[in-house]
Amino acid sequence: MSKKTILSGITPSGRLHYGNYFGAMKQHLDFIEKGDAFYFIANYHALTSLRDADKLREYTIDVAIDYLALGLDPEKCTFFAQSDVPQVNELAWMLGTLCPVSLMEKGVAYKDKVAQGLAPNIGLFTYPVLQAADILIYHSDVVPVGADQKQNLEFSRDLAQKFNNTFNGDHLRIPEPFIVEDVAVVPGIDGRKMSKSYNNHIFIFDRGKDLKKKVMSIVTDATPLEDPKDPSKCNVFALIKLFAEKSKTEEIAQKYREGGFGYGHAKKELLELVTDYFAEACEKRAYFEARKDTVLDILKAGGEKARLRAEQVMEPVRQATGIIRTH
């Protein structure tokens, strides 16, 4: 039996932070061994909010470097840039011609992003259609998502079923929802969910003075040093739990409860844990940062594999819809 195709992507909207890592990237790396993984850098999606060509190029390469530094093995998955697969936009247009406006009007992610201050544009509004094409163009079986992305996956299933019903056949595979239940909600420096929108993030590869400044500025309450503290109510401890082994987490939690352990002590523990956790990745990142041509070659090879799969899906779709090409 062939492996199931696993699909996921990440938008290159800036440097990646702890929320990106624990919310998506770590799961991507874990899933590589569980199927035929297709991981892409969603640079077309980035255009809904990013208007700087140099920045988009920079962020795209940076995301690739970050994944490789964190342990992604391009020999074990298909790793590529979305823009290297033109078939995805071709399929997105076809799906868009079948997509009711009312379906997009239900989009929670669109409403959230506009509420956060993003300009409401057609690309942002129809984002789920392009996302559906991303998923369907490779005959994806499994799409691991957090609960906040469940609706967009349902949109993909709805559009695939509508396409198949309209054109009388099983042209597009219906992806299975796989909700990653243990996705961590990573607190930012101010206690809210870590996000660049809130400017409360710590970048994965922050080091030295930058890292120390951010860790030491994490918001805590005013409980005196000598008093016992509840670790479950502390933003610093919430981050410690992400980086520490279970035994270390329990040891630090006990220090909180005993008293005499201040938030400054906790922040120093976190600083040490973070530094150790990403030490090897930092070395790898420096290696790839100095070899950007190698990174581009990896993306190019992944793009060739992705286009081959996409074309295998797209040609029968063209036949079904009556689209002809003379070349």
C-alpha atoms as a PDB file:
ATOM      1  CA  MET A   1       0.000   0.000   0.000  1.00  0.00           C
ATOM      2  CA  SER A   2       1.401   3.405  -0.979  1.00  0.00           C
ATOM      3  CA  LYS A   3       2.024   6.043   1.639  1.00  0.00           C
ATOM      4  CA  LYS A   4      -0.627   8.675   2.181  1.00  0.00           C
ATOM      5  CA  THR A   5       0.204  12.129   0.869  1.00  0.00           C
ATOM      6  CA  ILE A   6       0.580  14.708   3.650  1.00  0.00           C
ATOM      7  CA  LEU A   7       0.372  18.399   2.725  1.00  0.00           C
ATOM      8  CA  SER A   8       1.108  21.572   4.645  1.00  0.00           C
ATOM      9  CA  GLY A   9       2.450  25.036   3.981  1.00  0.00           C
ATOM     10  CA  ILE A  10       3.697  28.143   5.750  1.00  0.00           C
ATOM     11  CA  THR A  11       3.415  31.762   4.635  1.00  0.00           C
ATOM     12  CA  PRO A  12       6.681  33.744   4.440  1.00  0.00           C
ATOM     13  CA  SER A  13       5.410  36.918   6.093  1.00  0.00           C
ATOM     14  CA  GLY A  14       8.519  37.605   8.154  1.00  0.00           C
ATOM     15  CA  ARG A  15      11.010  35.963  10.484  1.00  0.00           C
ATOM     16  CA  LEU A  16       9.601  32.925  12.269  1.00  0.00           C
ATOM     17  CA  HIS A  17       8.945  32.874  16.006  1.00  0.00           C
ATOM     18  CA  TYR A  18       8.221  30.351  18.765  1.00  0.00           C
ATOM     19  CA  GLY A  19       4.517  30.380  17.888  1.00  0.00           C
ATOM     20  CA  ASN A  20       5.332  29.318  14.317  1.00  0.00           C
ATOM     21  CA  TYR A  21       7.630  26.582  15.554  1.00  0.00           C
ATOM     22  CA  PHE A  22       5.424  24.972  18.200  1.00  0.00           C
ATOM     23  CA  GLY A  23       2.201  25.745  16.335  1.00  0.00           C
ATOM     24  CA  ALA A  24       3.179  24.241  12.971  1.00  0.00           C
ATOM     25  CA  MET A  25       6.841  23.643  12.132  1.00  0.00           C
ATOM     26  CA  LYS A  26       7.509  21.046  14.838  1.00  0.00           C
ATOM     27  CA  GLN A  27       4.487  19.038  13.658  1.00  0.00           C
ATOM     28  CA  HIS A  28       5.656  19.290  10.043  1.00  0.00           C
ATOM     29  CA  LEU A  29       9.035  17.840  10.984  1.00  0.00           C
ATOM     30  CA  ASP A  30       7.390  15.026  12.958  1.00  0.00           C
ATOM     31  CA  PHE A  31       5.033  14.122  10.091  1.00  0.00           C
ATOM     32  CA  ILE A  32       7.815  13.592   7.536  1.00  0.00           C
ATOM     33  CA  GLU A  33       8.213   9.988   8.656  1.00  0.00           C
ATOM     34  CA  LYS A  34       4.467   9.287   8.509  1.00  0.00           C
ATOM     35  CA  GLY A  35       3.788   9.588   4.786  1.00  0.00           C
ATOM     36  CA  ASP A  36       4.684  11.177   1.468  1.00  0.00           C
ATOM     37  CA  ALA A  37       5.073  14.739   2.736  1.00  0.00           C
ATOM     38  CA  PHE A  38       4.678  17.842   0.539  1.00  0.00           C
ATOM     39  CA  TYR A  39       5.700  21.030   2.360  1.00  0.00           C
ATOM     40  CA  PHE A  40       5.588  24.349   0.571  1.00  0.00           C
ATOM     41  CA  ILE A  41       6.418  27.989   1.239  1.00  0.00           C
ATOM     42  CA  ALA A  42       3.210  29.852   0.413  1.00  0.00           C
ATOM     43  CA  ASN A  43       4.650  32.958  -1.222  1.00  0.00           C
ATOM     44  CA  TYR A  44       1.530  33.663  -3.323  1.00  0.00           C
ATOM     45  CA  HIS A  45      -0.488  33.795  -0.104  1.00  0.00           C
ATOM     46  CA  ALA A  46       1.980  36.318   1.322  1.00  0.00           C
ATOM     47  CA  LEU A  47       0.955  38.802  -1.386  1.00  0.00           C
ATOM     48  CA  THR A  48      -2.363  39.401   0.400  1.00  0.00           C
ATOM     49  CA  SER A  49      -0.483  41.565   2.897  1.00  0.00           C
ATOM     50  CA  LEU A  50       3.160  41.967   1.816  1.00  0.00           C
ATOM     51  CA  ARG A  51       3.928  44.599  -0.811  1.00  0.00           C
ATOM     52  CA  ASP A  52       7.723  44.619  -0.755  1.00  0.00           C
ATOM     53  CA  ALA A  53       9.369  42.452  -3.437  1.00  0.00           C
ATOM     54  CA  ASP A  54      12.777  42.394  -1.768  1.00  0.00           C
ATOM     55  CA  LYS A  55      11.239  41.400   1.555  1.00  0.00           C
ATOM     56  CA  LEU A  56       9.170  38.611  -0.002  1.00  0.00           C
ATOM     57  CA  ARG A  57      12.251  37.147  -1.685  1.00  0.00           C
ATOM     58  CA  GLU A  58      14.210  37.465   1.563  1.00  0.00           C
ATOM     59  CA  TYR A  59      11.481  35.908   3.711  1.00  0.00           C
ATOM     60  CA  THR A  60      10.978  33.022   1.284  1.00  0.00           C
ATOM     61  CA  ILE A  61      14.642  32.057   1.455  1.00  0.00           C
ATOM     62  CA  ASP A  62      14.725  32.638   5.215  1.00  0.00           C
ATOM     63  CA  VAL A  63      11.820  30.250   5.794  1.00  0.00           C
ATOM     64  CA  ALA A  64      13.576  27.611   3.700  1.00  0.00           C
ATOM     65  CA  ILE A  65      16.788  28.093   5.686  1.00  0.00           C
ATOM     66  CA  ASP A  66      14.883  27.891   8.976  1.00  0.00           C
ATOM     67  CA  TYR A  67      13.237  24.589   8.040  1.00  0.00           C
ATOM     68  CA  LEU A  68      16.505  23.069   6.908  1.00  0.00           C
ATOM     69  CA  ALA A  69      18.269  24.299  10.054  1.00  0.00           C
ATOM     70  CA  LEU A  70      15.549  22.814  12.248  1.00  0.00           C
ATOM     71  CA  GLY A  71      16.016  19.383  10.716  1.00  0.00           C
ATOM     72  CA  LEU A  72      13.885  19.101   7.590  1.00  0.00           C
ATOM     73  CA  ASP A  73      15.465  16.494   5.297  1.00  0.00           C
ATOM     74  CA  PRO A  74      14.683  17.314   1.636  1.00  0.00           C
ATOM     75  CA  GLU A  75      15.485  13.700   0.734  1.00  0.00           C
ATOM     76  CA  LYS A  76      12.526  12.524   2.822  1.00  0.00           C
ATOM     77  CA  CYS A  77       9.895  14.992   1.612  1.00  0.00           C
ATOM     78  CA  THR A  78       9.017  17.348  -1.232  1.00  0.00           C
ATOM     79  CA  PHE A  79      10.007  20.846  -0.096  1.00  0.00           C
ATOM     80  CA  PHE A  80       9.334  23.697  -2.498  1.00  0.00           C
ATOM     81  CA  ALA A  81       8.046  27.208  -3.142  1.00  0.00           C
ATOM     82  CA  GLN A  82       4.373  27.550  -4.056  1.00  0.00           C
ATOM     83  CA  SER A  83       5.319  29.795  -6.991  1.00  0.00           C
ATOM     84  CA  ASP A  84       7.204  26.927  -8.653  1.00  0.00           C
ATOM     85  CA  VAL A  85       3.891  25.134  -9.311  1.00  0.00           C
ATOM     86  CA  PRO A  86       1.811  27.215 -11.787  1.00  0.00           C
ATOM     87  CA  GLN A  87      -0.857  24.498 -11.884  1.00  0.00           C
ATOM     88  CA  VAL A  88      -2.019  25.575  -8.434  1.00  0.00           C
ATOM     89  CA  ASN A  89      -3.289  28.910  -9.761  1.00  0.00           C
ATOM     90  CA  GLU A  90      -4.877  27.176 -12.731  1.00  0.00           C
ATOM     91  CA  LEU A  91      -6.855  24.913 -10.422  1.00  0.00           C
ATOM     92  CA  ALA A  92      -7.675  27.823  -8.090  1.00  0.00           C
ATOM     93  CA  TRP A  93      -9.370  29.644 -10.968  1.00  0.00           C
ATOM     94  CA  MET A  94     -11.443  26.577 -11.826  1.00  0.00           C
ATOM     95  CA  LEU A  95     -12.488  26.132  -8.204  1.00  0.00           C
ATOM     96  CA  GLY A  96     -13.280  29.831  -7.959  1.00  0.00           C
ATOM     97  CA  THR A  97     -15.763  29.552 -10.819  1.00  0.00           C
ATOM     98  CA  LEU A  98     -17.696  27.010  -8.740  1.00  0.00           C
ATOM     99  CA  CYS A  99     -17.319  28.621  -5.326  1.00  0.00           C
ATOM    100  CA  PRO A 100     -20.412  30.451  -4.016  1.00  0.00           C
ATOM    101  CA  VAL A 101     -19.687  33.935  -2.710  1.00  0.00           C
ATOM    102  CA  SER A 102     -21.726  32.995   0.362  1.00  0.00           C
ATOM    103  CA  LEU A 103     -19.162  30.292   1.218  1.00  0.00           C
ATOM    104  CA  MET A 104     -16.339  32.810   1.321  1.00  0.00           C
ATOM    105  CA  GLU A 105     -18.481  35.216   3.344  1.00  0.00           C
ATOM    106  CA  LYS A 106     -18.485  32.611   6.113  1.00  0.00           C
ATOM    107  CA  GLY A 107     -14.699  32.736   6.362  1.00  0.00           C
ATOM    108  CA  VAL A 108     -13.680  33.316   9.975  1.00  0.00           C
ATOM    109  CA  ALA A 109      -9.989  33.783   9.106  1.00  0.00           C
ATOM    110  CA  TYR A 110     -10.841  36.607   6.673  1.00  0.00           C
ATOM    111  CA  LYS A 111     -12.910  38.427   9.284  1.00  0.00           C
ATOM    112  CA  ASP A 112     -10.180  37.997  11.890  1.00  0.00           C
ATOM    113  CA  LYS A 113      -7.461  39.376   9.634  1.00  0.00           C
ATOM    114  CA  VAL A 114      -9.534  42.404   8.643  1.00  0.00           C
ATOM    115  CA  ALA A 115     -10.285  42.999  12.325  1.00  0.00           C
ATOM    116  CA  GLN A 116      -6.504  42.967  12.947  1.00  0.00           C
ATOM    117  CA  GLY A 117      -6.094  45.789  10.423  1.00  0.00           C
ATOM    118  CA  LEU A 118      -5.310  44.035   7.126  1.00  0.00           C
ATOM    119  CA  ALA A 119      -6.844  45.772   4.119  1.00  0.00           C
ATOM    120  CA  PRO A 120      -9.833  43.775   2.807  1.00  0.00           C
ATOM    121  CA  ASN A 121      -8.857  42.709  -0.714  1.00  0.00           C
ATOM    122  CA  ILE A 122     -10.119  40.017  -3.067  1.00  0.00           C
ATOM    123  CA  GLY A 123      -7.003  37.917  -2.556  1.00  0.00           C
ATOM    124  CA  LEU A 124      -7.561  37.868   1.194  1.00  0.00           C
ATOM    125  CA  PHE A 125     -11.282  37.173   0.706  1.00  0.00           C
ATOM    126  CA  THR A 126     -10.695  34.233  -1.662  1.00  0.00           C
ATOM    127  CA  TYR A 127      -7.627  32.967   0.224  1.00  0.00           C
ATOM    128  CA  PRO A 128      -9.410  29.660   1.026  1.00  0.00           C
ATOM    129  CA  VAL A 129      -9.899  28.944  -2.696  1.00  0.00           C
ATOM    130  CA  LEU A 130      -6.174  29.150  -3.387  1.00  0.00           C
ATOM    131  CA  GLN A 131      -5.570  27.159  -0.218  1.00  0.00           C
ATOM    132  CA  ALA A 132      -7.984  24.504  -1.500  1.00  0.00           C
ATOM    133  CA  ALA A 133      -6.031  24.347  -4.761  1.00  0.00           C
ATOM    134  CA  ASP A 134      -2.798  23.970  -2.769  1.00  0.00           C
ATOM    135  CA  ILE A 135      -4.307  20.948  -1.054  1.00  0.00           C
ATOM    136  CA  LEU A 136      -6.117  19.320  -3.969  1.00  0.00           C
ATOM    137  CA  ILE A 137      -3.457  19.718  -6.676  1.00  0.00           C
ATOM    138  CA  TYR A 138      -1.301  16.967  -5.127  1.00  0.00           C
ATOM    139  CA  HIS A 139      -4.152  14.541  -4.317  1.00  0.00           C
ATOM    140  CA  SER A 140      -3.445  15.174  -0.638  1.00  0.00           C
ATOM    141  CA  ASP A 141      -4.876  12.574   1.716  1.00  0.00           C
ATOM    142  CA  VAL A 142      -4.061  14.193   5.051  1.00  0.00           C
ATOM    143  CA  VAL A 143      -3.730  17.867   5.932  1.00  0.00           C
ATOM    144  CA  PRO A 144      -2.598  18.372   9.551  1.00  0.00           C
ATOM    145  CA  VAL A 145      -4.086  21.611  10.883  1.00  0.00           C
ATOM    146  CA  GLY A 146      -4.846  23.240  14.191  1.00  0.00           C
ATOM    147  CA  ALA A 147      -8.456  23.757  15.221  1.00  0.00           C
ATOM    148  CA  ASP A 148      -8.342  27.365  13.972  1.00  0.00           C
ATOM    149  CA  GLN A 149      -7.743  26.131  10.400  1.00  0.00           C
ATOM    150  CA  LYS A 150     -10.476  23.478  10.396  1.00  0.00           C
ATOM    151  CA  GLN A 151     -12.925  25.691   8.512  1.00  0.00           C
ATOM    152  CA  ASN A 152     -10.522  26.253   5.592  1.00  0.00           C
ATOM    153  CA  LEU A 153      -9.989  22.509   5.293  1.00  0.00           C
ATOM    154  CA  GLU A 154     -13.752  22.029   5.193  1.00  0.00           C
ATOM    155  CA  PHE A 155     -13.896  24.606   2.392  1.00  0.00           C
ATOM    156  CA  SER A 156     -11.378  22.474   0.474  1.00  0.00           C
ATOM    157  CA  ARG A 157     -13.504  19.377   0.920  1.00  0.00           C
ATOM    158  CA  ASP A 158     -16.652  21.254  -0.129  1.00  0.00           C
ATOM    159  CA  LEU A 159     -15.012  22.611  -3.286  1.00  0.00           C
ATOM    160  CA  ALA A 160     -13.557  19.225  -4.252  1.00  0.00           C
ATOM    161  CA  GLN A 161     -16.957  17.574  -3.869  1.00  0.00           C
ATOM    162  CA  LYS A 162     -18.641  20.346  -5.842  1.00  0.00           C
ATOM    163  CA  PHE A 163     -16.082  19.994  -8.633  1.00  0.00           C
ATOM    164  CA  ASN A 164     -16.486  16.215  -8.769  1.00  0.00           C
ATOM    165  CA  ASN A 165     -20.272  16.466  -8.798  1.00  0.00           C
ATOM    166  CA  THR A 166     -20.297  19.178 -11.470  1.00  0.00           C
ATOM    167  CA  PHE A 167     -17.971  17.300 -13.807  1.00  0.00           C
ATOM    168  CA  ASN A 168     -19.244  13.798 -13.051  1.00  0.00           C
ATOM    169  CA  GLY A 169     -16.203  11.987 -11.736  1.00  0.00           C
ATOM    170  CA  ASP A 170     -13.678  11.505  -8.941  1.00  0.00           C
ATOM    171  CA  HIS A 171     -11.295  14.052 -10.399  1.00  0.00           C
ATOM    172  CA  LEU A 172     -10.146  15.544  -7.093  1.00  0.00           C
ATOM    173  CA  ARG A 173      -9.361  13.513  -4.000  1.00  0.00           C
ATOM    174  CA  ILE A 174     -11.271  14.535  -0.874  1.00  0.00           C
ATOM    175  CA  PRO A 175      -8.693  15.246   1.840  1.00  0.00           C
ATOM    176  CA  GLU A 176      -9.175  13.846   5.316  1.00  0.00           C
ATOM    177  CA  PRO A 177      -9.250  16.311   8.180  1.00  0.00           C
ATOM    178  CA  PHE A 178      -6.514  15.735  10.732  1.00  0.00           C
ATOM    179  CA  ILE A 179      -6.881  18.150  13.589  1.00  0.00           C
ATOM    180  CA  VAL A 180      -3.667  18.347  15.584  1.00  0.00           C
ATOM    181  CA  GLU A 181      -5.167  18.472  19.073  1.00  0.00           C
ATOM    182  CA  ASP A 182      -1.969  19.125  21.006  1.00  0.00           C
ATOM    183  CA  VAL A 183      -0.922  22.276  19.166  1.00  0.00           C
ATOM    184  CA  ALA A 184       0.561  24.555  21.786  1.00  0.00           C
ATOM    185  CA  VAL A 185      -0.844  28.022  22.330  1.00  0.00           C
ATOM    186  CA  VAL A 186       2.384  29.931  22.744  1.00  0.00           C
ATOM    187  CA  PRO A 187       2.175  33.075  24.892  1.00  0.00           C
ATOM    188  CA  GLY A 188       3.961  36.164  23.739  1.00  0.00           C
ATOM    189  CA  ILE A 189       5.960  38.596  25.832  1.00  0.00           C
ATOM    190  CA  ASP A 190       2.744  40.389  26.874  1.00  0.00           C
ATOM    191  CA  GLY A 191       0.827  37.197  27.696  1.00  0.00           C
ATOM    192  CA  ARG A 192      -1.377  37.240  24.608  1.00  0.00           C
ATOM    193  CA  LYS A 193      -0.960  34.600  21.900  1.00  0.00           C
ATOM    194  CA  MET A 194       2.439  35.088  20.275  1.00  0.00           C
ATOM    195  CA  SER A 195       1.997  36.938  16.991  1.00  0.00           C
ATOM    196  CA  LYS A 196       3.896  39.454  14.897  1.00  0.00           C
ATOM    197  CA  SER A 197       0.605  41.378  14.721  1.00  0.00           C
ATOM    198  CA  TYR A 198       0.922  42.057  18.457  1.00  0.00           C
ATOM    199  CA  ASN A 199       4.685  42.647  18.294  1.00  0.00           C
ATOM    200  CA  ASN A 200       5.036  40.272  21.253  1.00  0.00           C
ATOM    201  CA  HIS A 201       7.114  37.584  19.591  1.00  0.00           C
ATOM    202  CA  ILE A 202      10.503  35.987  20.166  1.00  0.00           C
ATOM    203  CA  PHE A 203      12.143  34.842  16.957  1.00  0.00           C
ATOM    204  CA  ILE A 204      13.368  31.248  16.769  1.00  0.00           C
ATOM    205  CA  PHE A 205      16.895  32.348  16.013  1.00  0.00           C
ATOM    206  CA  ASP A 206      17.138  35.359  18.315  1.00  0.00           C
ATOM    207  CA  ARG A 207      20.401  35.157  20.235  1.00  0.00           C
ATOM    208  CA  GLY A 208      22.585  37.153  22.590  1.00  0.00           C
ATOM    209  CA  LYS A 209      21.344  40.547  23.764  1.00  0.00           C
ATOM    210  CA  ASP A 210      18.195  40.434  21.609  1.00  0.00           C
ATOM    211  CA  LEU A 211      17.063  37.138  23.123  1.00  0.00           C
ATOM    212  CA  LYS A 212      17.919  38.146  26.682  1.00  0.00           C
ATOM    213  CA  LYS A 213      16.090  41.477  26.349  1.00  0.00           C
ATOM    214  CA  LYS A 214      12.904  39.785  25.142  1.00  0.00           C
ATOM    215  CA  VAL A 215      12.949  36.997  27.718  1.00  0.00           C
ATOM    216  CA  MET A 216      13.571  39.428  30.564  1.00  0.00           C
ATOM    217  CA  SER A 217      10.655  41.605  29.396  1.00  0.00           C
ATOM    218  CA  ILE A 218       8.046  38.823  29.609  1.00  0.00           C
ATOM    219  CA  VAL A 219       5.114  40.136  31.635  1.00  0.00           C
ATOM    220  CA  THR A 220       4.618  38.631  35.113  1.00  0.00           C
ATOM    221  CA  ASP A 221       2.573  39.569  38.162  1.00  0.00           C
ATOM    222  CA  ALA A 222       3.832  41.364  41.270  1.00  0.00           C
ATOM    223  CA  THR A 223       4.114  38.377  43.631  1.00  0.00           C
ATOM    224  CA  PRO A 224       7.152  38.945  45.906  1.00  0.00           C
ATOM    225  CA  LEU A 225      10.202  36.727  45.422  1.00  0.00           C
ATOM    226  CA  GLU A 226       9.826  34.927  48.745  1.00  0.00           C
ATOM    227  CA  ASP A 227       6.138  33.992  48.241  1.00  0.00           C
ATOM    228  CA  PRO A 228       4.906  30.718  46.664  1.00  0.00           C
ATOM    229  CA  LYS A 229       3.650  31.100  43.084  1.00  0.00           C
ATOM    230  CA  ASP A 230       1.255  29.203  40.836  1.00  0.00           C
ATOM    231  CA  PRO A 231       3.267  28.083  37.788  1.00  0.00           C
ATOM    232  CA  SER A 232       0.075  27.487  35.778  1.00  0.00           C
ATOM    233  CA  LYS A 233      -0.633  31.226  35.844  1.00  0.00           C
ATOM    234  CA  CYS A 234       2.823  32.346  34.726  1.00  0.00           C
ATOM    235  CA  ASN A 235       3.705  33.268  31.132  1.00  0.00           C
ATOM    236  CA  VAL A 236       7.353  32.385  31.727  1.00  0.00           C
ATOM    237  CA  PHE A 237       6.472  28.901  32.933  1.00  0.00           C
ATOM    238  CA  ALA A 238       4.148  28.379  29.953  1.00  0.00           C
ATOM    239  CA  LEU A 239       7.195  28.841  27.726  1.00  0.00           C
ATOM    240  CA  ILE A 240       9.432  26.735  29.973  1.00  0.00           C
ATOM    241  CA  LYS A 241       7.023  23.798  29.502  1.00  0.00           C
ATOM    242  CA  LEU A 242       7.568  23.954  25.748  1.00  0.00           C
ATOM    243  CA  PHE A 243      11.353  23.721  25.971  1.00  0.00           C
ATOM    244  CA  ALA A 244      12.033  21.589  29.040  1.00  0.00           C
ATOM    245  CA  GLU A 245      11.914  17.832  29.533  1.00  0.00           C
ATOM    246  CA  LYS A 246       9.147  16.637  31.857  1.00  0.00           C
ATOM    247  CA  SER A 247      11.481  16.103  34.826  1.00  0.00           C
ATOM    248  CA  LYS A 248      12.958  19.590  34.439  1.00  0.00           C
ATOM    249  CA  THR A 249       9.488  21.112  34.108  1.00  0.00           C
ATOM    250  CA  GLU A 250       8.365  19.437  37.333  1.00  0.00           C
ATOM    251  CA  GLU A 251      11.527  20.543  39.124  1.00  0.00           C
ATOM    252  CA  ILE A 252      10.965  24.188  38.168  1.00  0.00           C
ATOM    253  CA  ALA A 253       7.248  23.986  39.006  1.00  0.00           C
ATOM    254  CA  GLN A 254       8.155  22.813  42.504  1.00  0.00           C
ATOM    255  CA  LYS A 255      10.475  25.792  42.949  1.00  0.00           C
ATOM    256  CA  TYR A 256       7.565  28.093  42.052  1.00  0.00           C
ATOM    257  CA  ARG A 257       5.346  26.485  44.711  1.00  0.00           C
ATOM    258  CA  GLU A 258       7.983  26.511  47.454  1.00  0.00           C
ATOM    259  CA  GLY A 259       8.676  30.239  47.283  1.00  0.00           C
ATOM    260  CA  GLY A 260      12.029  31.977  47.225  1.00  0.00           C
ATOM    261  CA  PHE A 261      12.093  31.510  43.452  1.00  0.00           C
ATOM    262  CA  GLY A 262      11.482  34.772  41.641  1.00  0.00           C
ATOM    263  CA  TYR A 263      10.362  35.468  38.114  1.00  0.00           C
ATOM    264  CA  GLY A 264      13.885  36.649  37.358  1.00  0.00           C
ATOM    265  CA  HIS A 265      15.132  33.171  38.259  1.00  0.00           C
ATOM    266  CA  ALA A 266      12.478  31.629  36.016  1.00  0.00           C
ATOM    267  CA  LYS A 267      13.487  33.856  33.114  1.00  0.00           C
ATOM    268  CA  LYS A 268      17.138  32.821  33.503  1.00  0.00           C
ATOM    269  CA  GLU A 269      16.030  29.167  33.425  1.00  0.00           C
ATOM    270  CA  LEU A 270      14.040  29.844  30.252  1.00  0.00           C
ATOM    271  CA  LEU A 271      16.966  31.656  28.627  1.00  0.00           C
ATOM    272  CA  GLU A 272      19.238  28.670  29.250  1.00  0.00           C
ATOM    273  CA  LEU A 273      16.637  26.183  28.004  1.00  0.00           C
ATOM    274  CA  VAL A 274      16.009  28.105  24.789  1.00  0.00           C
ATOM    275  CA  THR A 275      19.719  28.496  24.073  1.00  0.00           C
ATOM    276  CA  ASP A 276      20.327  24.767  24.510  1.00  0.00           C
ATOM    277  CA  TYR A 277      17.196  23.743  22.595  1.00  0.00           C
ATOM    278  CA  PHE A 278      18.115  25.604  19.419  1.00  0.00           C
ATOM    279  CA  ALA A 279      21.934  25.330  19.693  1.00  0.00           C
ATOM    280  CA  GLU A 280      22.339  22.711  16.948  1.00  0.00           C
ATOM    281  CA  ALA A 281      19.786  24.442  14.722  1.00  0.00           C
ATOM    282  CA  CYS A 282      21.724  27.713  15.043  1.00  0.00           C
ATOM    283  CA  GLU A 283      24.877  26.012  13.759  1.00  0.00           C
ATOM    284  CA  LYS A 284      22.965  24.518  10.827  1.00  0.00           C
ATOM    285  CA  ARG A 285      21.374  27.860  10.062  1.00  0.00           C
ATOM    286  CA  ALA A 286      24.764  29.524   9.818  1.00  0.00           C
ATOM    287  CA  TYR A 287      25.814  26.757   7.409  1.00  0.00           C
ATOM    288  CA  PHE A 288      22.846  27.264   5.077  1.00  0.00           C
ATOM    289  CA  GLU A 289      22.924  31.045   5.413  1.00  0.00           C
ATOM    290  CA  ALA A 290      26.394  30.916   3.860  1.00  0.00           C
ATOM    291  CA  ARG A 291      25.160  28.596   1.082  1.00  0.00           C
ATOM    292  CA  LYS A 292      21.987  30.179  -0.280  1.00  0.00           C
ATOM    293  CA  ASP A 293      22.616  28.695  -3.729  1.00  0.00           C
ATOM    294  CA  THR A 294      22.332  25.248  -2.129  1.00  0.00           C
ATOM    295  CA  VAL A 295      19.025  26.274  -0.554  1.00  0.00           C
ATOM    296  CA  LEU A 296      17.710  27.463  -3.918  1.00  0.00           C
ATOM    297  CA  ASP A 297      18.805  24.184  -5.508  1.00  0.00           C
ATOM    298  CA  ILE A 298      16.861  22.262  -2.847  1.00  0.00           C
ATOM    299  CA  LEU A 299      13.737  24.321  -3.542  1.00  0.00           C
ATOM    300  CA  LYS A 300      14.218  23.900  -7.291  1.00  0.00           C
ATOM    301  CA  ALA A 301      14.443  20.113  -6.988  1.00  0.00           C
ATOM    302  CA  GLY A 302      11.365  20.085  -4.772  1.00  0.00           C
ATOM    303  CA  GLY A 303       9.516  22.281  -7.230  1.00  0.00           C
ATOM    304  CA  GLU A 304      10.241  19.857 -10.070  1.00  0.00           C
ATOM    305  CA  LYS A 305       8.795  16.955  -8.059  1.00  0.00           C
ATOM    306  CA  ALA A 306       5.764  19.012  -7.032  1.00  0.00           C
ATOM    307  CA  ARG A 307       5.054  20.121 -10.632  1.00  0.00           C
ATOM    308  CA  LEU A 308       5.194  16.523 -11.822  1.00  0.00           C
ATOM    309  CA  ARG A 309       2.570  15.469  -9.258  1.00  0.00           C
ATOM    310  CA  ALA A 310       0.469  18.563  -9.946  1.00  0.00           C
ATOM    311  CA  GLU A 311       0.447  17.914 -13.693  1.00  0.00           C
ATOM    312  CA  GLN A 312      -0.676  14.329 -13.133  1.00  0.00           C
ATOM    313  CA  VAL A 313      -3.682  15.710 -11.271  1.00  0.00           C
ATOM    314  CA  MET A 314      -4.282  18.685 -13.560  1.00  0.00           C
ATOM    315  CA  GLU A 315      -4.381  17.018 -16.978  1.00  0.00           C
ATOM    316  CA  PRO A 316      -7.502  14.908 -16.222  1.00  0.00           C
ATOM    317  CA  VAL A 317      -9.067  18.026 -14.661  1.00  0.00           C
ATOM    318  CA  ARG A 318      -8.531  19.938 -17.907  1.00  0.00           C
ATOM    319  CA  GLN A 319     -10.056  17.070 -19.842  1.00  0.00           C
ATOM    320  CA  ALA A 320     -13.072  17.038 -17.553  1.00  0.00           C
ATOM    321  CA  THR A 321     -13.668  20.796 -17.835  1.00  0.00           C
ATOM    322  CA  GLY A 322     -13.018  21.067 -21.583  1.00  0.00           C
ATOM    323  CA  ILE A 323      -9.943  23.270 -21.271  1.00  0.00           C
ATOM    324  CA  ILE A 324      -7.639  22.689 -24.231  1.00  0.00           C
ATOM    325  CA  ARG A 325      -3.984  23.582 -24.593  1.00  0.00           C
ATOM    326  CA  THR A 326      -2.154  23.625 -27.920  1.00  0.00           C
ATOM    327  CA  HIS A 327       1.303  23.090 -26.517  1.00  0.00           C
END
